[in-house]
Amino acid sequence: MDVPALKLDLVQKILNTENLLLLSKINNILQKEVEKDWWDQLPREVQDSILEGVKDIEDGNVFTHDQVIQEAKQKYGF
């Protein structure tokens, strides 16, 4: 079934139902499709930076809080 035929079939089914719960669920699905995901609204540079950070975590390239504090104490003398 191609897209236009599927759309027509769905419209016919929607028009023929009186099930309010089903119609509400369909409406919710379509509403979520329309809403933009916050990720897509981020600038590409920010997305890339976040993905780089996630990769660092997955690769184990991380420091504990204590390691960061110790390094800051040594570097800045506090």
Protein backbone atom coordinates (compact mmCIF):
# COMPACT_ATOMS: atom_id res chain seq x y z
CA MET A 1 0.00 0.00 0.00
CA ASP A 2 1.44 3.39 -0.95
CA VAL A 3 1.29 6.53 1.21
CA PRO A 4 -1.77 8.17 -0.42
CA ALA A 5 -3.75 4.94 -0.23
CA LEU A 6 -2.78 4.43 3.42
CA LYS A 7 -3.79 7.99 4.26
CA LEU A 8 -7.16 7.51 2.60
CA ASP A 9 -7.69 4.22 4.42
CA LEU A 10 -6.85 5.84 7.77
CA VAL A 11 -9.16 8.79 7.12
CA GLN A 12 -12.02 6.42 6.30
CA LYS A 13 -11.41 4.41 9.47
CA ILE A 14 -11.25 7.57 11.59
CA LEU A 15 -14.47 8.90 10.09
CA ASN A 16 -16.24 5.61 10.73
CA THR A 17 -15.31 5.24 14.41
CA GLU A 18 -17.17 6.69 17.36
CA ASN A 19 -14.62 5.40 19.86
CA LEU A 20 -13.54 8.54 21.71
CA LEU A 21 -10.61 6.81 23.40
CA LEU A 22 -9.24 5.60 20.08
CA LEU A 23 -9.66 9.04 18.51
CA SER A 24 -7.88 10.62 21.49
CA LYS A 25 -4.98 8.18 21.13
CA ILE A 26 -4.69 8.90 17.41
CA ASN A 27 -4.77 12.62 18.16
CA ASN A 28 -2.00 12.23 20.77
CA ILE A 29 0.18 10.29 18.33
CA LEU A 30 -0.28 12.89 15.62
CA GLN A 31 0.30 15.76 18.07
CA LYS A 32 3.61 14.26 19.19
CA GLU A 33 4.63 13.90 15.55
CA VAL A 34 4.00 17.60 14.99
CA GLU A 35 5.92 18.74 18.08
CA LYS A 36 9.60 19.22 17.41
CA ASP A 37 12.02 17.28 19.52
CA TRP A 38 14.25 19.56 21.62
CA TRP A 39 17.30 17.78 20.24
CA ASP A 40 16.46 18.89 16.71
CA GLN A 41 16.24 22.48 17.89
CA LEU A 42 19.82 22.49 19.22
CA PRO A 43 22.52 23.96 16.98
CA ARG A 44 24.59 21.33 15.16
CA GLU A 45 27.72 22.32 17.11
CA VAL A 46 25.95 21.66 20.42
CA GLN A 47 24.66 18.29 19.21
CA ASP A 48 28.17 17.33 18.10
CA SER A 49 29.61 18.38 21.45
CA ILE A 50 27.04 16.34 23.38
CA LEU A 51 27.63 13.29 21.20
CA GLU A 52 31.39 13.67 21.70
CA GLY A 53 30.83 13.74 25.47
CA VAL A 54 28.66 10.62 25.34
CA LYS A 55 31.37 8.85 23.32
CA ASP A 56 33.98 9.90 25.90
CA ILE A 57 31.83 8.38 28.64
CA GLU A 58 31.34 5.16 26.67
CA ASP A 59 35.10 4.96 26.04
CA GLY A 60 35.89 5.54 29.72
CA ASN A 61 37.53 8.93 29.11
CA VAL A 62 36.15 10.46 32.30
CA PHE A 63 37.39 11.80 35.62
CA THR A 64 35.79 11.36 39.02
CA HIS A 65 34.77 14.40 41.04
CA ASP A 66 37.61 13.71 43.45
CA GLN A 67 40.15 13.61 40.60
CA VAL A 68 38.97 16.97 39.29
CA ILE A 69 39.10 18.55 42.76
CA GLN A 70 42.60 17.16 43.41
CA GLU A 71 43.87 18.47 40.06
CA ALA A 72 42.31 21.90 40.70
CA LYS A 73 43.95 22.04 44.15
CA GLN A 74 47.34 21.22 42.66
CA LYS A 75 46.99 23.57 39.74
CA TYR A 76 45.53 26.57 41.57
CA GLY A 77 46.93 25.96 45.05
CA PHE A 78 43.76 25.80 47.07
